[in-house]
Amino acid sequence: MQVAGRQVNLGERTGGVYRVARPDDGLLVLSVFDDEGAAEIAQRAVRRRLASAPSGDSLSVGVLVKRPDGSIPTWKLGPRVVDSHPGVGAPLSVIAQVVDGEDPLLGHLPPSRSHKTGPARNSFCEGFGLNGDDVSRLGAELDAGRAVVAILANTPEGSSWAIVELTELGGKTEVHLVSDEHLERAAEVAASRS
């Protein structure tokens, strides 16, 4: 999909064609911005538009950023629960743990068990449509001072405007298929770690 002259990666790398595997699948939209300030501006723009969106569009938005000291401000990740369903904060919390070198189930990993090869990382992040290369790339983007705006949407139609908006605001946007099962598990893990 081309938006504002940029390629937007849709789904499971199916040549730009979004494929819904099951009706209860949702979308995790990730958009990388040059820095935290640009990501915050984009997040506010999405929130403003979301306030006027139809009530049937269940979207939640958050920001993933790594500070110069290496910390990840978890309060920016977004809500973990929205209308009794997992919000964007649930998968972002797990992704943040993995990017930070932790196993979502076990906590901090010793250097000999790098998160780049851990089975829990694969299990959780692949459930969000992210492969090992995606996770490594996101980690490198965060280490370089960039920030990620994330949106969790329940329908492709409900997220299409957000994909366009984030891309037009300068984000490198990609969309990943995520199942309710993995979102529920992420919400459980995020809650147990808070």
Protein backbone atom coordinates (compact mmCIF):
# COMPACT_ATOMS: atom_id res chain seq x y z
CA MET A 1 0.00 0.00 0.00
CA GLN A 2 1.35 3.41 -0.91
CA VAL A 3 0.52 6.32 1.39
CA ALA A 4 1.96 9.80 0.91
CA GLY A 5 4.58 8.39 -1.45
CA ARG A 6 5.77 5.79 1.05
CA GLN A 7 5.35 2.05 1.08
CA VAL A 8 3.26 0.74 4.00
CA ASN A 9 3.80 -2.92 4.77
CA LEU A 10 0.50 -4.71 5.30
CA GLY A 11 0.03 -7.97 7.13
CA GLU A 12 2.14 -11.04 6.76
CA ARG A 13 4.31 -9.70 3.94
CA THR A 14 1.80 -10.85 1.35
CA GLY A 15 2.94 -8.47 -1.36
CA GLY A 16 0.95 -5.57 0.08
CA VAL A 17 -2.31 -7.51 0.29
CA TYR A 18 -3.88 -7.64 3.72
CA ARG A 19 -5.26 -11.06 4.53
CA VAL A 20 -7.58 -11.67 7.49
CA ALA A 21 -7.03 -15.16 8.81
CA ARG A 22 -9.87 -15.19 11.31
CA PRO A 23 -12.70 -12.77 12.02
CA ASP A 24 -11.45 -12.08 15.56
CA ASP A 25 -7.95 -11.07 14.42
CA GLY A 26 -6.94 -7.49 15.03
CA LEU A 27 -4.25 -5.23 13.68
CA LEU A 28 -1.16 -3.92 15.39
CA VAL A 29 -0.03 -0.79 13.56
CA LEU A 30 3.56 0.27 14.28
CA SER A 31 4.92 3.56 12.96
CA VAL A 32 8.55 4.56 13.60
CA PHE A 33 9.28 8.27 13.99
CA ASP A 34 12.61 10.12 14.09
CA ASP A 35 12.32 10.96 17.78
CA GLU A 36 10.04 10.99 20.80
CA GLY A 37 8.74 14.50 20.06
CA ALA A 38 7.59 13.56 16.56
CA ALA A 39 5.96 10.40 17.94
CA GLU A 40 4.11 12.41 20.61
CA ILE A 41 2.78 14.83 17.98
CA ALA A 42 1.56 11.90 15.87
CA GLN A 43 -0.03 10.23 18.89
CA ARG A 44 -1.91 13.41 19.79
CA ALA A 45 -3.15 13.75 16.19
CA VAL A 46 -4.46 10.17 16.25
CA ARG A 47 -6.10 10.70 19.65
CA ARG A 48 -7.84 13.85 18.41
CA ARG A 49 -9.20 12.02 15.39
CA LEU A 50 -10.09 9.00 17.53
CA ALA A 51 -12.23 11.21 19.75
CA SER A 52 -14.48 11.91 16.76
CA ALA A 53 -14.38 8.36 15.31
CA PRO A 54 -17.48 6.13 15.30
CA SER A 55 -17.89 4.27 18.58
CA GLY A 56 -17.67 0.91 16.77
CA ASP A 57 -14.00 1.54 16.01
CA SER A 58 -12.09 0.07 18.92
CA LEU A 59 -8.63 1.63 18.75
CA SER A 60 -6.03 2.28 21.39
CA VAL A 61 -2.77 4.15 20.92
CA GLY A 62 0.58 4.23 22.73
CA VAL A 63 4.24 5.20 22.31
CA LEU A 64 7.29 2.97 22.72
CA VAL A 65 10.50 4.89 23.32
CA LYS A 66 13.83 4.16 24.98
CA ARG A 67 15.39 6.95 27.01
CA PRO A 68 19.14 7.76 26.80
CA ASP A 69 19.66 5.89 30.09
CA GLY A 70 18.13 2.78 28.49
CA SER A 71 14.85 2.91 30.42
CA ILE A 72 11.49 2.48 28.72
CA PRO A 73 8.73 4.69 30.19
CA THR A 74 5.95 2.13 30.59
CA TRP A 75 3.31 4.77 31.27
CA LYS A 76 3.57 5.85 27.61
CA LEU A 77 2.77 2.36 26.26
CA GLY A 78 -0.97 3.02 26.28
CA PRO A 79 -3.88 1.31 27.99
CA ARG A 80 -3.60 -2.40 28.67
CA VAL A 81 -7.37 -2.75 28.72
CA VAL A 82 -10.04 -0.95 26.65
CA ASP A 83 -13.71 -1.79 27.14
CA SER A 84 -12.77 -5.10 28.84
CA HIS A 85 -10.56 -6.08 25.86
CA PRO A 86 -6.77 -5.90 25.64
CA GLY A 87 -5.48 -2.48 24.64
CA VAL A 88 -2.28 -1.54 22.83
CA GLY A 89 -0.39 -1.41 26.14
CA ALA A 90 -0.58 -5.20 26.47
CA PRO A 91 1.41 -6.13 23.34
CA LEU A 92 3.65 -3.04 23.65
CA SER A 93 4.52 -4.04 27.21
CA VAL A 94 5.63 -7.48 26.04
CA ILE A 95 7.50 -6.05 23.03
CA ALA A 96 9.22 -3.53 25.34
CA GLN A 97 10.34 -6.35 27.65
CA VAL A 98 11.76 -8.35 24.75
CA VAL A 99 13.50 -5.34 23.21
CA ASP A 100 14.93 -4.57 26.66
CA GLY A 101 16.48 -8.04 26.88
CA GLU A 102 13.87 -9.75 29.03
CA ASP A 103 11.90 -12.92 28.66
CA PRO A 104 8.22 -11.93 29.15
CA LEU A 105 7.73 -14.94 31.43
CA LEU A 106 11.05 -15.12 33.30
CA GLY A 107 12.29 -11.55 33.63
CA HIS A 108 15.78 -10.28 32.82
CA LEU A 109 17.91 -12.72 30.87
CA PRO A 110 21.62 -13.18 31.45
CA PRO A 111 23.81 -12.16 28.49
CA SER A 112 24.29 -15.81 27.55
CA ARG A 113 20.54 -16.08 26.76
CA SER A 114 20.09 -13.12 24.47
CA HIS A 115 16.51 -12.03 23.72
CA LYS A 116 17.34 -12.21 20.04
CA THR A 117 17.21 -16.01 20.18
CA GLY A 118 14.89 -16.75 23.11
CA PRO A 119 11.91 -19.06 22.52
CA ALA A 120 9.54 -16.91 24.61
CA ARG A 121 10.37 -13.92 22.42
CA ASN A 122 9.48 -15.93 19.36
CA SER A 123 6.25 -17.20 20.88
CA PHE A 124 4.97 -13.83 22.03
CA CYS A 125 6.17 -11.60 19.23
CA GLU A 126 5.23 -13.99 16.44
CA GLY A 127 1.73 -13.92 17.94
CA PHE A 128 1.77 -10.19 17.21
CA GLY A 129 2.85 -10.79 13.62
CA LEU A 130 6.48 -9.86 14.38
CA ASN A 131 9.35 -12.16 13.45
CA GLY A 132 12.84 -12.09 14.97
CA ASP A 133 14.08 -9.62 12.35
CA ASP A 134 11.18 -7.27 13.14
CA VAL A 135 11.98 -7.32 16.86
CA SER A 136 15.70 -6.77 16.25
CA ARG A 137 14.92 -3.89 13.88
CA LEU A 138 12.57 -2.26 16.40
CA GLY A 139 15.24 -2.60 19.08
CA ALA A 140 17.81 -0.96 16.81
CA GLU A 141 15.39 1.88 15.98
CA LEU A 142 14.80 2.53 19.70
CA ASP A 143 18.53 2.35 20.47
CA ALA A 144 19.08 4.99 17.75
CA GLY A 145 16.72 7.40 19.55
CA ARG A 146 13.65 6.82 17.41
CA ALA A 147 10.17 6.22 18.84
CA VAL A 148 7.29 3.98 17.80
CA VAL A 149 3.62 4.98 17.79
CA ALA A 150 1.48 1.85 18.08
CA ILE A 151 -2.21 1.39 17.44
CA LEU A 152 -4.26 -1.69 18.19
CA ALA A 153 -7.38 -1.91 16.03
CA ASN A 154 -10.16 -4.48 15.90
CA THR A 155 -10.86 -4.09 12.17
CA PRO A 156 -8.89 -3.15 9.04
CA GLU A 157 -11.52 -0.53 8.24
CA GLY A 158 -11.20 1.04 11.68
CA SER A 159 -7.46 1.44 11.32
CA SER A 160 -7.12 2.58 7.70
CA TRP A 161 -7.39 6.28 8.53
CA ALA A 162 -4.80 5.87 11.31
CA ILE A 163 -2.36 4.14 8.95
CA VAL A 164 -2.69 7.03 6.49
CA GLU A 165 -2.42 9.65 9.23
CA LEU A 166 0.71 8.17 10.79
CA THR A 167 2.40 7.79 7.42
CA GLU A 168 1.51 11.33 6.34
CA LEU A 169 2.99 12.63 9.61
CA GLY A 170 6.34 11.05 8.67
CA GLY A 171 6.20 7.62 10.25
CA LYS A 172 7.53 4.44 8.67
CA THR A 173 4.34 2.45 9.11
CA GLU A 174 3.75 -1.29 9.10
CA VAL A 175 0.73 -3.39 9.98
CA HIS A 176 0.76 -6.79 11.67
CA LEU A 177 -1.99 -9.32 12.21
CA VAL A 178 -2.58 -10.23 15.86
CA SER A 179 -4.95 -12.80 17.32
CA ASP A 180 -7.23 -12.27 20.31
CA GLU A 181 -5.61 -15.31 21.93
CA HIS A 182 -2.17 -13.66 21.89
CA LEU A 183 -3.59 -10.34 23.04
CA GLU A 184 -5.27 -12.00 26.03
CA ARG A 185 -2.02 -13.78 26.94
CA ALA A 186 -0.05 -10.53 26.57
CA ALA A 187 -2.53 -8.78 28.87
CA GLU A 188 -2.04 -11.53 31.48
CA VAL A 189 1.75 -11.31 31.26
CA ALA A 190 1.74 -7.49 31.34
CA ALA A 191 -0.53 -7.51 34.40
CA SER A 192 1.64 -10.04 36.21
CA ARG A 193 4.76 -7.93 35.59
CA SER A 194 3.34 -4.59 36.74
